[in-house]
Amino acid sequence: SLPRLSPAAIMLLLLGMTPLSSQASVFSSRDA
């Protein structure tokens, strides 16, 4: 059977699937 994912695991999966371009804008704006 498929595993049950904890909320933290789901957040990590969503982070990994976030488009790189959007992540870049977040980090660059934070640096700015």
All heavy atoms as atom14 arrays in JSON, in Angstrom:
{
  "sequence": "SLPRLSPAAIMLLLLGMTPLSSQASVFSSRDA",
  "atom14_mask": [
    [1, 1, 1, 1, 1, 1, 0, 0, 0, 0, 0, 0, 0, 0],
    [1, 1, 1, 1, 1, 1, 1, 1, 0, 0, 0, 0, 0, 0],
    [1, 1, 1, 1, 1, 1, 1, 0, 0, 0, 0, 0, 0, 0],
    [1, 1, 1, 1, 1, 1, 1, 1, 1, 1, 1, 0, 0, 0],
    [1, 1, 1, 1, 1, 1, 1, 1, 0, 0, 0, 0, 0, 0],
    [1, 1, 1, 1, 1, 1, 0, 0, 0, 0, 0, 0, 0, 0],
    [1, 1, 1, 1, 1, 1, 1, 0, 0, 0, 0, 0, 0, 0],
    [1, 1, 1, 1, 1, 0, 0, 0, 0, 0, 0, 0, 0, 0],
    [1, 1, 1, 1, 1, 0, 0, 0, 0, 0, 0, 0, 0, 0],
    [1, 1, 1, 1, 1, 1, 1, 1, 0, 0, 0, 0, 0, 0],
    [1, 1, 1, 1, 1, 1, 1, 1, 0, 0, 0, 0, 0, 0],
    [1, 1, 1, 1, 1, 1, 1, 1, 0, 0, 0, 0, 0, 0],
    [1, 1, 1, 1, 1, 1, 1, 1, 0, 0, 0, 0, 0, 0],
    [1, 1, 1, 1, 1, 1, 1, 1, 0, 0, 0, 0, 0, 0],
    [1, 1, 1, 1, 1, 1, 1, 1, 0, 0, 0, 0, 0, 0],
    [1, 1, 1, 1, 0, 0, 0, 0, 0, 0, 0, 0, 0, 0],
    [1, 1, 1, 1, 1, 1, 1, 1, 0, 0, 0, 0, 0, 0],
    [1, 1, 1, 1, 1, 1, 1, 0, 0, 0, 0, 0, 0, 0],
    [1, 1, 1, 1, 1, 1, 1, 0, 0, 0, 0, 0, 0, 0],
    [1, 1, 1, 1, 1, 1, 1, 1, 0, 0, 0, 0, 0, 0],
    [1, 1, 1, 1, 1, 1, 0, 0, 0, 0, 0, 0, 0, 0],
    [1, 1, 1, 1, 1, 1, 0, 0, 0, 0, 0, 0, 0, 0],
    [1, 1, 1, 1, 1, 1, 1, 1, 1, 0, 0, 0, 0, 0],
    [1, 1, 1, 1, 1, 0, 0, 0, 0, 0, 0, 0, 0, 0],
    [1, 1, 1, 1, 1, 1, 0, 0, 0, 0, 0, 0, 0, 0],
    [1, 1, 1, 1, 1, 1, 1, 0, 0, 0, 0, 0, 0, 0],
    [1, 1, 1, 1, 1, 1, 1, 1, 1, 1, 1, 0, 0, 0],
    [1, 1, 1, 1, 1, 1, 0, 0, 0, 0, 0, 0, 0, 0],
    [1, 1, 1, 1, 1, 1, 0, 0, 0, 0, 0, 0, 0, 0],
    [1, 1, 1, 1, 1, 1, 1, 1, 1, 1, 1, 0, 0, 0],
    [1, 1, 1, 1, 1, 1, 1, 1, 0, 0, 0, 0, 0, 0],
    [1, 1, 1, 1, 1, 0, 0, 0, 0, 0, 0, 0, 0, 0]
  ],
  "atom14_positions": [
    [[0.84, -1.2, 0.0], [0.0, 0.0, 0.0], [0.87, 1.24, 0.0], [2.02, 1.21, 0.44], [-0.91, 0.01, 1.23], [-0.13, 0.01, 2.41], [0.0, 0.0, 0.0], [0.0, 0.0, 0.0], [0.0, 0.0, 0.0], [0.0, 0.0, 0.0], [0.0, 0.0, 0.0], [0.0, 0.0, 0.0], [0.0, 0.0, 0.0], [0.0, 0.0, 0.0]],
    [[0.3, 2.33, -0.48], [1.03, 3.59, -0.5], [1.18, 4.14, 0.91], [0.3, 3.96, 1.75], [0.28, 4.61, -1.37], [0.25, 4.31, -2.87], [-0.61, 5.36, -3.58], [1.64, 4.27, -3.46], [0.0, 0.0, 0.0], [0.0, 0.0, 0.0], [0.0, 0.0, 0.0], [0.0, 0.0, 0.0], [0.0, 0.0, 0.0], [0.0, 0.0, 0.0]],
    [[2.27, 4.83, 1.19], [2.48, 5.35, 2.54], [1.61, 6.56, 2.82], [1.17, 7.25, 1.9], [3.96, 5.73, 2.52], [4.22, 6.11, 1.1], [3.37, 5.17, 0.28], [0.0, 0.0, 0.0], [0.0, 0.0, 0.0], [0.0, 0.0, 0.0], [0.0, 0.0, 0.0], [0.0, 0.0, 0.0], [0.0, 0.0, 0.0], [0.0, 0.0, 0.0]],
    [[1.36, 6.76, 4.08], [0.66, 7.97, 4.48], [1.68, 9.07, 4.72], [2.58, 8.92, 5.54], [-0.13, 7.73, 5.77], [-1.32, 6.78, 5.58], [-2.09, 6.68, 6.88], [-3.25, 5.8, 6.72], [-4.1, 5.52, 7.69], [-3.92, 6.06, 8.92], [-5.13, 4.72, 7.47], [0.0, 0.0, 0.0], [0.0, 0.0, 0.0], [0.0, 0.0, 0.0]],
    [[1.54, 10.17, 4.03], [2.5, 11.26, 4.14], [2.1, 12.19, 5.26], [0.93, 12.58, 5.38], [2.58, 12.04, 2.82], [3.08, 11.24, 1.61], [3.13, 12.15, 0.39], [4.45, 10.63, 1.87], [0.0, 0.0, 0.0], [0.0, 0.0, 0.0], [0.0, 0.0, 0.0], [0.0, 0.0, 0.0], [0.0, 0.0, 0.0], [0.0, 0.0, 0.0]],
    [[3.06, 12.56, 6.07], [2.83, 13.54, 7.12], [2.7, 14.93, 6.51], [3.12, 15.16, 5.38], [4.0, 13.52, 8.11], [5.17, 13.97, 7.47], [0.0, 0.0, 0.0], [0.0, 0.0, 0.0], [0.0, 0.0, 0.0], [0.0, 0.0, 0.0], [0.0, 0.0, 0.0], [0.0, 0.0, 0.0], [0.0, 0.0, 0.0], [0.0, 0.0, 0.0]],
    [[2.12, 15.89, 7.22], [2.03, 17.27, 6.68], [3.4, 17.83, 6.3], [3.51, 18.53, 5.3], [1.39, 18.04, 7.85], [0.61, 17.02, 8.61], [1.4, 15.75, 8.5], [0.0, 0.0, 0.0], [0.0, 0.0, 0.0], [0.0, 0.0, 0.0], [0.0, 0.0, 0.0], [0.0, 0.0, 0.0], [0.0, 0.0, 0.0], [0.0, 0.0, 0.0]],
    [[4.42, 17.53, 7.11], [5.76, 18.04, 6.79], [6.25, 17.46, 5.48], [6.86, 18.15, 4.65], [6.72, 17.7, 7.92], [0.0, 0.0, 0.0], [0.0, 0.0, 0.0], [0.0, 0.0, 0.0], [0.0, 0.0, 0.0], [0.0, 0.0, 0.0], [0.0, 0.0, 0.0], [0.0, 0.0, 0.0], [0.0, 0.0, 0.0], [0.0, 0.0, 0.0]],
    [[5.98, 16.15, 5.25], [6.42, 15.53, 4.01], [5.7, 16.12, 2.81], [6.28, 16.33, 1.74], [6.19, 14.02, 4.09], [0.0, 0.0, 0.0], [0.0, 0.0, 0.0], [0.0, 0.0, 0.0], [0.0, 0.0, 0.0], [0.0, 0.0, 0.0], [0.0, 0.0, 0.0], [0.0, 0.0, 0.0], [0.0, 0.0, 0.0], [0.0, 0.0, 0.0]],
    [[4.4, 16.42, 2.99], [3.65, 17.04, 1.89], [4.21, 18.41, 1.56], [4.35, 18.79, 0.39], [2.16, 17.14, 2.28], [1.56, 15.72, 2.41], [1.39, 17.94, 1.24], [0.13, 15.72, 2.92], [0.0, 0.0, 0.0], [0.0, 0.0, 0.0], [0.0, 0.0, 0.0], [0.0, 0.0, 0.0], [0.0, 0.0, 0.0], [0.0, 0.0, 0.0]],
    [[4.58, 19.19, 2.59], [5.16, 20.52, 2.35], [6.47, 20.42, 1.6], [6.75, 21.2, 0.69], [5.35, 21.25, 3.69], [4.05, 21.65, 4.36], [4.32, 22.51, 5.94], [5.15, 23.96, 5.34], [0.0, 0.0, 0.0], [0.0, 0.0, 0.0], [0.0, 0.0, 0.0], [0.0, 0.0, 0.0], [0.0, 0.0, 0.0], [0.0, 0.0, 0.0]],
    [[7.3, 19.43, 1.98], [8.58, 19.25, 1.29], [8.35, 18.87, -0.17], [9.07, 19.32, -1.07], [9.42, 18.19, 2.0], [10.02, 18.58, 3.34], [10.71, 17.39, 3.99], [11.01, 19.73, 3.16], [0.0, 0.0, 0.0], [0.0, 0.0, 0.0], [0.0, 0.0, 0.0], [0.0, 0.0, 0.0], [0.0, 0.0, 0.0], [0.0, 0.0, 0.0]],
    [[7.35, 18.01, -0.42], [7.05, 17.61, -1.79], [6.59, 18.8, -2.62], [7.01, 19.0, -3.76], [5.98, 16.52, -1.8], [5.56, 15.99, -3.18], [6.77, 15.41, -3.89], [4.46, 14.96, -3.05], [0.0, 0.0, 0.0], [0.0, 0.0, 0.0], [0.0, 0.0, 0.0], [0.0, 0.0, 0.0], [0.0, 0.0, 0.0], [0.0, 0.0, 0.0]],
    [[5.72, 19.63, -2.03], [5.27, 20.83, -2.74], [6.41, 21.79, -3.01], [6.47, 22.42, -4.07], [4.17, 21.53, -1.93], [2.85, 20.76, -1.79], [1.89, 21.52, -0.88], [2.21, 20.54, -3.16], [0.0, 0.0, 0.0], [0.0, 0.0, 0.0], [0.0, 0.0, 0.0], [0.0, 0.0, 0.0], [0.0, 0.0, 0.0], [0.0, 0.0, 0.0]],
    [[7.34, 21.9, -2.03], [8.5, 22.76, -2.24], [9.34, 22.25, -3.39], [9.83, 23.02, -4.22], [9.34, 22.82, -0.95], [10.65, 23.62, -1.04], [10.35, 25.09, -1.37], [11.42, 23.51, 0.26], [0.0, 0.0, 0.0], [0.0, 0.0, 0.0], [0.0, 0.0, 0.0], [0.0, 0.0, 0.0], [0.0, 0.0, 0.0], [0.0, 0.0, 0.0]],
    [[9.52, 20.93, -3.43], [10.34, 20.36, -4.51], [9.69, 20.54, -5.86], [10.38, 20.61, -6.87], [0.0, 0.0, 0.0], [0.0, 0.0, 0.0], [0.0, 0.0, 0.0], [0.0, 0.0, 0.0], [0.0, 0.0, 0.0], [0.0, 0.0, 0.0], [0.0, 0.0, 0.0], [0.0, 0.0, 0.0], [0.0, 0.0, 0.0], [0.0, 0.0, 0.0]],
    [[8.34, 20.55, -5.9], [7.64, 20.68, -7.17], [7.38, 22.13, -7.56], [6.83, 22.4, -8.62], [6.31, 19.92, -7.09], [6.47, 18.43, -6.84], [4.91, 17.56, -6.66], [4.2, 17.78, -8.29], [0.0, 0.0, 0.0], [0.0, 0.0, 0.0], [0.0, 0.0, 0.0], [0.0, 0.0, 0.0], [0.0, 0.0, 0.0], [0.0, 0.0, 0.0]],
    [[7.76, 23.08, -6.69], [7.56, 24.5, -7.01], [8.43, 24.87, -8.2], [9.61, 24.51, -8.25], [7.95, 25.38, -5.81], [7.16, 24.98, -4.71], [7.71, 26.85, -6.13], [0.0, 0.0, 0.0], [0.0, 0.0, 0.0], [0.0, 0.0, 0.0], [0.0, 0.0, 0.0], [0.0, 0.0, 0.0], [0.0, 0.0, 0.0], [0.0, 0.0, 0.0]],
    [[7.91, 25.59, -9.18], [8.73, 25.99, -10.33], [9.96, 26.75, -9.88], [9.9, 27.6, -8.99], [7.77, 26.88, -11.14], [6.4, 26.44, -10.73], [6.51, 26.02, -9.29], [0.0, 0.0, 0.0], [0.0, 0.0, 0.0], [0.0, 0.0, 0.0], [0.0, 0.0, 0.0], [0.0, 0.0, 0.0], [0.0, 0.0, 0.0], [0.0, 0.0, 0.0]],
    [[11.07, 26.47, -10.54], [12.34, 27.1, -10.14], [12.3, 28.59, -10.34], [12.91, 29.34, -9.59], [13.48, 26.48, -10.97], [13.72, 24.98, -10.72], [14.83, 24.49, -11.63], [14.07, 24.73, -9.27], [0.0, 0.0, 0.0], [0.0, 0.0, 0.0], [0.0, 0.0, 0.0], [0.0, 0.0, 0.0], [0.0, 0.0, 0.0], [0.0, 0.0, 0.0]],
    [[11.6, 29.04, -11.36], [11.56, 30.48, -11.61], [10.9, 31.23, -10.47], [11.34, 32.31, -10.07], [10.82, 30.76, -12.92], [9.49, 30.24, -12.84], [0.0, 0.0, 0.0], [0.0, 0.0, 0.0], [0.0, 0.0, 0.0], [0.0, 0.0, 0.0], [0.0, 0.0, 0.0], [0.0, 0.0, 0.0], [0.0, 0.0, 0.0], [0.0, 0.0, 0.0]],
    [[9.82, 30.63, -9.9], [9.15, 31.3, -8.78], [10.02, 31.29, -7.55], [10.04, 32.24, -6.79], [7.81, 30.62, -8.49], [8.02, 29.28, -8.06], [0.0, 0.0, 0.0], [0.0, 0.0, 0.0], [0.0, 0.0, 0.0], [0.0, 0.0, 0.0], [0.0, 0.0, 0.0], [0.0, 0.0, 0.0], [0.0, 0.0, 0.0], [0.0, 0.0, 0.0]],
    [[10.76, 30.17, -7.33], [11.68, 30.13, -6.19], [12.76, 31.18, -6.33], [13.16, 31.83, -5.38], [12.31, 28.75, -6.07], [11.32, 27.68, -5.64], [12.04, 26.4, -5.31], [13.17, 26.42, -4.86], [11.38, 25.29, -5.54], [0.0, 0.0, 0.0], [0.0, 0.0, 0.0], [0.0, 0.0, 0.0], [0.0, 0.0, 0.0], [0.0, 0.0, 0.0]],
    [[13.25, 31.35, -7.56], [14.32, 32.34, -7.78], [13.84, 33.73, -7.44], [14.55, 34.52, -6.82], [14.77, 32.27, -9.24], [0.0, 0.0, 0.0], [0.0, 0.0, 0.0], [0.0, 0.0, 0.0], [0.0, 0.0, 0.0], [0.0, 0.0, 0.0], [0.0, 0.0, 0.0], [0.0, 0.0, 0.0], [0.0, 0.0, 0.0], [0.0, 0.0, 0.0]],
    [[12.59, 34.05, -7.81], [12.08, 35.38, -7.52], [11.93, 35.6, -6.03], [12.18, 36.69, -5.52], [10.72, 35.58, -8.23], [9.76, 34.66, -7.71], [0.0, 0.0, 0.0], [0.0, 0.0, 0.0], [0.0, 0.0, 0.0], [0.0, 0.0, 0.0], [0.0, 0.0, 0.0], [0.0, 0.0, 0.0], [0.0, 0.0, 0.0], [0.0, 0.0, 0.0]],
    [[11.53, 34.54, -5.3], [11.38, 34.67, -3.84], [12.72, 34.96, -3.2], [12.88, 35.87, -2.39], [10.77, 33.39, -3.25], [10.84, 33.43, -1.72], [9.32, 33.25, -3.7], [0.0, 0.0, 0.0], [0.0, 0.0, 0.0], [0.0, 0.0, 0.0], [0.0, 0.0, 0.0], [0.0, 0.0, 0.0], [0.0, 0.0, 0.0], [0.0, 0.0, 0.0]],
    [[13.75, 34.16, -3.58], [15.06, 34.34, -2.96], [15.67, 35.67, -3.36], [16.28, 36.36, -2.53], [15.99, 33.19, -3.36], [15.77, 31.95, -2.56], [14.95, 30.94, -3.03], [16.38, 31.77, -1.34], [14.74, 29.78, -2.29], [16.19, 30.62, -0.59], [15.35, 29.63, -1.07], [0.0, 0.0, 0.0], [0.0, 0.0, 0.0], [0.0, 0.0, 0.0]],
    [[15.55, 36.07, -4.62], [16.16, 37.32, -5.05], [15.5, 38.51, -4.4], [16.15, 39.48, -4.01], [16.09, 37.44, -6.58], [14.74, 37.44, -7.01], [0.0, 0.0, 0.0], [0.0, 0.0, 0.0], [0.0, 0.0, 0.0], [0.0, 0.0, 0.0], [0.0, 0.0, 0.0], [0.0, 0.0, 0.0], [0.0, 0.0, 0.0], [0.0, 0.0, 0.0]],
    [[14.14, 38.45, -4.25], [13.46, 39.56, -3.59], [13.84, 39.64, -2.13], [13.99, 40.71, -1.56], [11.94, 39.4, -3.73], [11.51, 38.22, -3.07], [0.0, 0.0, 0.0], [0.0, 0.0, 0.0], [0.0, 0.0, 0.0], [0.0, 0.0, 0.0], [0.0, 0.0, 0.0], [0.0, 0.0, 0.0], [0.0, 0.0, 0.0], [0.0, 0.0, 0.0]],
    [[14.03, 38.46, -1.52], [14.43, 38.44, -0.11], [15.82, 39.05, 0.05], [16.08, 39.83, 0.96], [14.41, 36.99, 0.38], [14.34, 36.85, 1.89], [14.16, 35.39, 2.27], [12.8, 34.93, 2.09], [12.42, 33.68, 2.22], [13.32, 32.75, 2.53], [11.16, 33.32, 2.08], [0.0, 0.0, 0.0], [0.0, 0.0, 0.0], [0.0, 0.0, 0.0]],
    [[16.75, 38.71, -0.87], [18.1, 39.29, -0.82], [18.05, 40.79, -1.04], [18.76, 41.56, -0.39], [19.0, 38.64, -1.9], [19.3, 37.19, -1.57], [19.12, 36.82, -0.39], [19.69, 36.45, -2.48], [0.0, 0.0, 0.0], [0.0, 0.0, 0.0], [0.0, 0.0, 0.0], [0.0, 0.0, 0.0], [0.0, 0.0, 0.0], [0.0, 0.0, 0.0]],
    [[17.19, 41.22, -2.0], [17.11, 42.65, -2.29], [16.62, 43.43, -1.09], [17.13, 44.5, -0.76], [16.19, 42.88, -3.5], [0.0, 0.0, 0.0], [0.0, 0.0, 0.0], [0.0, 0.0, 0.0], [0.0, 0.0, 0.0], [0.0, 0.0, 0.0], [0.0, 0.0, 0.0], [0.0, 0.0, 0.0], [0.0, 0.0, 0.0], [0.0, 0.0, 0.0]]
  ]
}
